[in-house]
Amino acid sequence: MIIKRLDLMNFRNYEMLSMEPGTGTNILYGDNAQGKTNILESIYMCSTARSHRASRDRELIRFDSEEAHIKMLVDRHGSEYRIDMHLKKSRSKGIAVNGIPIRRISELFGIVNIIFFSPEDLNLVKKGPSERRRFIDFELCQLDKVYTNHLMNYNKVLAERNRLLKDMAFTPGLADTLSVWDGQLAEYGEAVMSDRAKFIGQLNCVIQELHHKITGGREQIEIAYEPDTASGSLEKELQKSLERDMRQHVTCRGPHRDDLCFLVNGIDIRRYGSQGQQRTAALSLKLSEIELVRSLIHDTPVLLLDDVLSELDSSRQTQLLTTIQETQTFITCTGLDEFVNCRFPIDALFEVSAGTAVRKN
């Protein structure tokens, strides 16, 4: 999977940008606040239809403009896909694939498989459960359209049930309709949990060997999926929790409260691990993600590394750079010091400054 061309118009600080990346490692270097991360964000947008750091599309449009455009040409298994995204301040975004407008954002998922890695991801283990759920959902939605459908339907039903719980405080008779939502929530929720459990099982097969290697054989890691309810019991748990739900006006049970546990040598490092153990586990998780996606899609994902190398020591830098070989990668950094002492092939080198990206090799 290769991004062959990227064109931006009025996106963030770019008035106009045309970039033809290399098929291997692409280095985007320059001072802070020049637009390096904006390039990664545009690739992220074309792959997922959303930004990893902005909540509204209007924030992505250049300050003095009313609309922005992103165009990305991708080669996947020898077939070309042209993704066009039109962002507007006053209306919702428009997306077309090979000139054909898509009706649902989920139709975009899976055309380009990306893995995004930022310094914040190194804190994934010690962050809250919502961050770990987001990690699972992000990857599964790219890999499995059925899971995407289950998750979207679950979230829609969950929102309706929560709205009903609030309305019941003023109209108690609405409680008679609650069982309808419970049945649907259980149906989609059980499917979501089943897919998550399968994914974590696949991930464990990869991460255990990799983490053992990174730590020099000192640590054994296991990711344990912690569903909020046992398989097949969600509808019963919803009924048991009804009084509490009505009191709090929210649904208190379900996969929207799932979590992941990281066990290193049998110890839960979310609570009892050192910062070094937590960061190493997060690195192992990201590297495992690359290998797992490769095996599942029979292709290589596109890797986006946003200023990550400066956060890693030399041994972990080497481990990361070794893993990403034969993968199209975009790496942002302020300087080239990280690559001076390692014999690492750089396919394309871009200097980013004030909304321009000039190729230097």
Foldseek 3Di string as FASTA:
>chain_A
DAWQWKWKDQFALANTAIDGDFQAEEEEAADPPQCQVSVVQLVVCQAQVDGPPDPDLVNGGHPPDFKMKMWIWDADPNDIWIWIWIGGPVDHIWIDIPNHTDDDSLVRAQPAFEFEAEQVLLCQLQDDFQSQVCVLCVRCSNQPSVLVVLVVQLVVLQVVLLVLLVVCVVVVVSVVCNLVSLVSNLVSQLVNVVVSVVVLVLLLVQLQVVLCVLVVNPKGKHKDKFAQDDRPCSSVVQVVCVVVCSVVSHRDHTRSRIGIFMAIVHDGCNPPNDSVVSSSSSLSSSLSSQVSVCVSVVHGHEYEYEQCLVVDDLSSNVSVLVSRGVHYYYYYDHDCVNPPPPPHDHRWYWYRGSNYTHTDD
